[in-house]
Amino acid sequence: MSNKKDVECREKIDELAVALQGLQTVSTICKKMGISRKTAINYVYELRKAGFVRTTRGNKKLRIYEISSVSRRDLGYPGFYDIINKYSPLKIAKPYEHRVYKPLAIEEVIVRAIKMQDFRTVLASLALFRHVSDWSLLYTYSKKENVRRKVGALYELSRQVVRVRRIDKRIGKKLLLGTDDKFIIPDVHSKDFHAIEKKWKVYIPFNRKDLSKLKE
C-alpha cells in the first residue's frame, strides 16, 4: 500500500514540475495554480526535495525558482542556461533542459551566448566576464567560433556595469585581429557606446538603459 502511495506522490510531483517548468516566484506560482502563498511554498519545498528546483536571486534579492521538468539528480553538470542564471542578475527562461557530462567553462559559455545572437541571452552573459579566470581560453574559444572582436567589444561593455579584471594586453590585441561580421545581434545597433563600436568595428546592440537590468 505504501509503495502505491509513494508512486502516486512521485507522479504528482512530476506533473507539478511539468506544469511549473521555467522561472517562477512564489507569486507567479500562486497565480498560475490558483493557490495560497503557503501552498505555493510547500510545492517549492517538495519540488526542491525531489531535485526539480534551483534557487537564484533576482533584482532586489527576490527569490527566483528555476523549475525543471527533469530531476537534476538524474542529470550531469550544470548546462548553458544554468550557468548564466547562476552568475547573472538577469535571468533566462530555459527553452529546454540542458545538462552536460563535462563541466562547462565560463569562457565557453560567453562565446556560446554570443553565437546564439539572442538579445536577452547576450545581455545576461555580460555579467559572466566578471568570472573569467583564463583569458587565453576565452581567446581560444572566440577564435574557433570567429567572434574575437565581438568578445572584445562585449568585454569593454561589461566593464560599464560590473567589476571585471583587466584583460591581458596581448590577448586584447589578438582579439582586435578578428574577422567576424559587424553585428552581434542581426541588424541591431546602439544609440550609445560609439567609442567601443569604433574601436572593435562591431555594433553594440544595447543602450545604457538595457545595461541597468544587470545592476543588482
Protein backbone atom coordinates (compact mmCIF):
# COMPACT_ATOMS: atom_id res chain seq x y z
CA MET A 1 0.00 0.00 0.00
CA SER A 2 2.79 2.38 0.91
CA ASN A 3 4.57 1.69 -2.39
CA LYS A 4 1.43 2.62 -4.32
CA LYS A 5 1.15 5.81 -2.30
CA ASP A 6 4.82 6.65 -2.98
CA VAL A 7 4.32 6.15 -6.72
CA GLU A 8 1.23 8.37 -6.73
CA CYS A 9 3.11 11.03 -4.78
CA ARG A 10 6.03 10.92 -7.24
CA GLU A 11 3.66 11.14 -10.19
CA LYS A 12 2.04 14.21 -8.66
CA ILE A 13 5.44 15.86 -8.17
CA ASP A 14 6.41 15.02 -11.77
CA GLU A 15 3.18 16.59 -13.06
CA LEU A 16 3.73 19.65 -10.91
CA ALA A 17 7.27 20.09 -12.26
CA VAL A 18 5.97 19.97 -15.83
CA ALA A 19 3.20 22.47 -15.04
CA LEU A 20 5.59 24.94 -13.40
CA GLN A 21 8.62 24.43 -15.66
CA GLY A 22 10.63 27.62 -16.16
CA LEU A 23 11.37 30.63 -13.96
CA GLN A 24 8.90 31.14 -11.12
CA THR A 25 8.44 33.11 -7.93
CA VAL A 26 6.03 32.32 -5.10
CA SER A 27 3.66 34.94 -6.54
CA THR A 28 3.68 33.51 -10.07
CA ILE A 29 3.09 30.00 -8.71
CA CYS A 30 0.11 31.26 -6.71
CA LYS A 31 -1.34 32.92 -9.79
CA LYS A 32 -0.66 30.03 -12.17
CA MET A 33 -2.02 27.32 -9.87
CA GLY A 34 -4.73 29.36 -8.12
CA ILE A 35 -3.36 28.51 -4.68
CA SER A 36 -2.40 30.27 -1.46
CA ARG A 37 1.11 31.51 -0.71
CA LYS A 38 1.57 28.82 1.95
CA THR A 39 0.63 26.06 -0.51
CA ALA A 40 2.97 27.52 -3.14
CA ILE A 41 5.86 27.46 -0.66
CA ASN A 42 5.04 23.83 0.17
CA TYR A 43 5.09 22.99 -3.56
CA VAL A 44 8.53 24.56 -3.93
CA TYR A 45 9.77 22.60 -0.93
CA GLU A 46 8.55 19.27 -2.36
CA LEU A 47 9.92 20.04 -5.83
CA ARG A 48 13.31 21.03 -4.41
CA LYS A 49 13.46 17.87 -2.29
CA ALA A 50 12.83 15.81 -5.44
CA GLY A 51 15.59 17.62 -7.33
CA PHE A 52 13.47 19.77 -9.66
CA VAL A 53 14.36 23.23 -8.29
CA ARG A 54 17.36 25.52 -8.25
CA THR A 55 17.00 28.81 -6.35
CA THR A 56 18.61 32.04 -7.56
CA ARG A 57 18.29 35.70 -6.62
CA GLY A 58 16.90 38.36 -8.93
CA ASN A 59 16.75 42.12 -8.58
CA LYS A 60 16.05 43.35 -5.04
CA LYS A 61 17.06 39.87 -3.81
CA LEU A 62 13.78 38.33 -4.99
CA ARG A 63 13.91 34.54 -4.87
CA ILE A 64 13.55 33.03 -8.33
CA TYR A 65 12.99 29.31 -8.71
CA GLU A 66 14.32 27.56 -11.80
CA ILE A 67 11.98 24.61 -12.10
CA SER A 68 12.96 21.78 -14.43
CA SER A 69 10.67 19.09 -15.80
CA VAL A 70 13.53 16.62 -15.26
CA SER A 71 15.02 15.92 -11.85
CA ARG A 72 18.57 17.26 -11.61
CA ARG A 73 19.51 14.20 -9.59
CA ASP A 74 19.35 12.18 -12.79
CA LEU A 75 21.49 14.56 -14.82
CA GLY A 76 25.14 15.63 -15.08
CA TYR A 77 26.76 19.04 -14.66
CA PRO A 78 25.01 22.43 -14.95
CA GLY A 79 24.28 23.36 -18.54
CA PHE A 80 24.45 26.59 -20.51
CA TYR A 81 21.36 28.27 -19.04
CA ASP A 82 22.12 27.07 -15.51
CA ILE A 83 25.49 28.83 -15.60
CA ILE A 84 24.12 32.09 -16.96
CA ASN A 85 21.36 32.13 -14.34
CA LYS A 86 23.85 31.35 -11.59
CA TYR A 87 26.15 34.28 -12.34
CA SER A 88 23.89 36.90 -13.95
CA PRO A 89 21.27 39.02 -12.15
CA LEU A 90 19.31 38.96 -15.42
CA LYS A 91 17.71 35.50 -15.60
CA ILE A 92 16.95 33.45 -18.71
CA ALA A 93 13.88 31.24 -19.06
CA LYS A 94 15.24 27.93 -20.32
CA PRO A 95 13.58 26.78 -23.57
CA TYR A 96 14.72 23.25 -22.75
CA GLU A 97 16.68 21.36 -20.07
CA HIS A 98 20.38 21.44 -20.89
CA ARG A 99 22.83 19.45 -18.79
CA VAL A 100 26.31 18.24 -19.69
CA TYR A 101 28.60 15.41 -18.66
CA LYS A 102 31.71 17.59 -18.64
CA PRO A 103 31.80 20.93 -16.76
CA LEU A 104 31.35 24.00 -18.98
CA ALA A 105 33.93 26.76 -18.58
CA ILE A 106 32.69 30.33 -18.09
CA GLU A 107 34.77 31.28 -21.11
CA GLU A 108 32.95 28.79 -23.32
CA VAL A 109 29.53 29.91 -22.09
CA ILE A 110 30.30 33.54 -23.04
CA VAL A 111 31.19 32.53 -26.58
CA ARG A 112 28.16 30.25 -26.87
CA ALA A 113 25.91 33.11 -25.75
CA ILE A 114 27.33 35.40 -28.44
CA LYS A 115 26.85 32.73 -31.09
CA MET A 116 23.15 32.47 -30.19
CA GLN A 117 22.57 36.08 -31.33
CA ASP A 118 19.68 36.39 -28.86
CA PHE A 119 19.26 39.84 -27.27
CA ARG A 120 18.46 38.77 -23.68
CA THR A 121 20.95 35.90 -23.64
CA VAL A 122 23.86 38.05 -24.81
CA LEU A 123 22.88 40.83 -22.39
CA ALA A 124 22.72 38.41 -19.44
CA SER A 125 26.09 36.92 -20.40
CA LEU A 126 27.86 40.27 -19.84
CA ALA A 127 27.86 39.51 -16.12
CA LEU A 128 29.96 36.39 -16.77
CA PHE A 129 33.01 38.46 -17.75
CA ARG A 130 33.40 39.14 -14.05
CA HIS A 131 34.19 35.46 -13.53
CA VAL A 132 36.65 34.93 -16.39
CA SER A 133 39.82 33.38 -14.99
CA ASP A 134 41.59 32.32 -18.19
CA TRP A 135 41.82 34.97 -20.91
CA SER A 136 43.79 32.64 -23.17
CA LEU A 137 40.95 30.11 -23.01
CA LEU A 138 38.43 32.82 -23.85
CA TYR A 139 40.57 33.78 -26.84
CA THR A 140 40.80 30.16 -27.99
CA TYR A 141 37.01 29.73 -27.96
CA SER A 142 36.40 33.11 -29.59
CA LYS A 143 38.89 32.41 -32.39
CA LYS A 144 37.40 28.98 -33.03
CA GLU A 145 33.91 30.47 -33.39
CA ASN A 146 35.10 33.61 -35.22
CA VAL A 147 33.76 36.10 -32.65
CA ARG A 148 37.02 37.67 -31.46
CA ARG A 149 36.06 41.32 -31.98
CA LYS A 150 32.60 40.72 -30.54
CA VAL A 151 34.14 39.24 -27.39
CA GLY A 152 36.46 42.22 -27.08
CA ALA A 153 33.66 44.73 -27.53
CA LEU A 154 31.38 43.00 -25.02
CA TYR A 155 34.23 42.72 -22.55
CA GLU A 156 34.64 46.51 -22.65
CA LEU A 157 30.89 46.96 -22.41
CA SER A 158 30.68 44.67 -19.38
CA ARG A 159 33.04 46.98 -17.52
CA GLN A 160 30.33 49.66 -17.66
CA VAL A 161 28.18 47.68 -15.21
CA VAL A 162 30.22 45.02 -13.37
CA ARG A 163 33.69 44.79 -11.88
CA VAL A 164 35.83 42.92 -14.37
CA ARG A 165 39.52 42.12 -14.20
CA ARG A 166 41.59 43.79 -16.90
CA ILE A 167 42.19 41.61 -19.89
CA ASP A 168 45.73 40.54 -20.72
CA LYS A 169 47.04 43.18 -23.18
CA ARG A 170 48.40 40.56 -25.57
CA ILE A 171 45.01 38.84 -25.68
CA GLY A 172 43.30 42.19 -26.24
CA LYS A 173 45.48 42.91 -29.28
CA LYS A 174 44.85 39.45 -30.70
CA LEU A 175 41.08 39.87 -30.30
CA LEU A 176 41.28 43.02 -32.44
CA LEU A 177 42.55 40.91 -35.34
CA GLY A 178 39.24 39.03 -35.62
CA THR A 179 37.45 38.82 -38.95
CA ASP A 180 33.90 38.44 -37.59
CA ASP A 181 31.00 40.43 -39.06
CA LYS A 182 29.81 43.72 -37.54
CA PHE A 183 26.54 42.65 -35.95
CA ILE A 184 26.30 40.95 -32.54
CA ILE A 185 22.51 40.84 -32.97
CA PRO A 186 21.48 40.93 -36.66
CA ASP A 187 20.58 44.46 -37.83
CA VAL A 188 20.61 45.92 -34.29
CA HIS A 189 22.92 48.67 -33.09
CA SER A 190 23.08 51.08 -30.15
CA LYS A 191 22.44 54.78 -29.77
CA ASP A 192 25.25 54.75 -27.20
CA PHE A 193 28.76 53.29 -26.90
CA HIS A 194 30.04 54.64 -30.22
CA ALA A 195 33.66 54.64 -28.98
CA ILE A 196 33.50 50.89 -28.30
CA GLU A 197 31.88 50.29 -31.68
CA LYS A 198 34.54 52.30 -33.49
CA LYS A 199 37.42 50.54 -31.74
CA TRP A 200 36.14 46.98 -32.25
CA LYS A 201 34.32 47.55 -35.56
CA VAL A 202 31.14 45.86 -34.33
CA TYR A 203 27.70 47.24 -33.49
CA ILE A 204 26.71 47.13 -29.82
CA PRO A 205 23.04 46.09 -29.65
CA PHE A 206 22.37 47.57 -26.20
CA ASN A 207 21.71 51.06 -24.87
CA ARG A 208 22.57 52.31 -21.38
CA LYS A 209 19.01 51.61 -20.26
CA ASP A 210 19.43 47.95 -21.19
CA LEU A 211 22.58 47.66 -19.07
CA SER A 212 20.67 48.86 -15.99
CA LYS A 213 18.96 45.43 -15.96
CA LEU A 214 22.28 43.91 -14.92
CA LYS A 215 22.60 46.01 -11.80
CA GLU A 216 21.50 44.16 -8.67
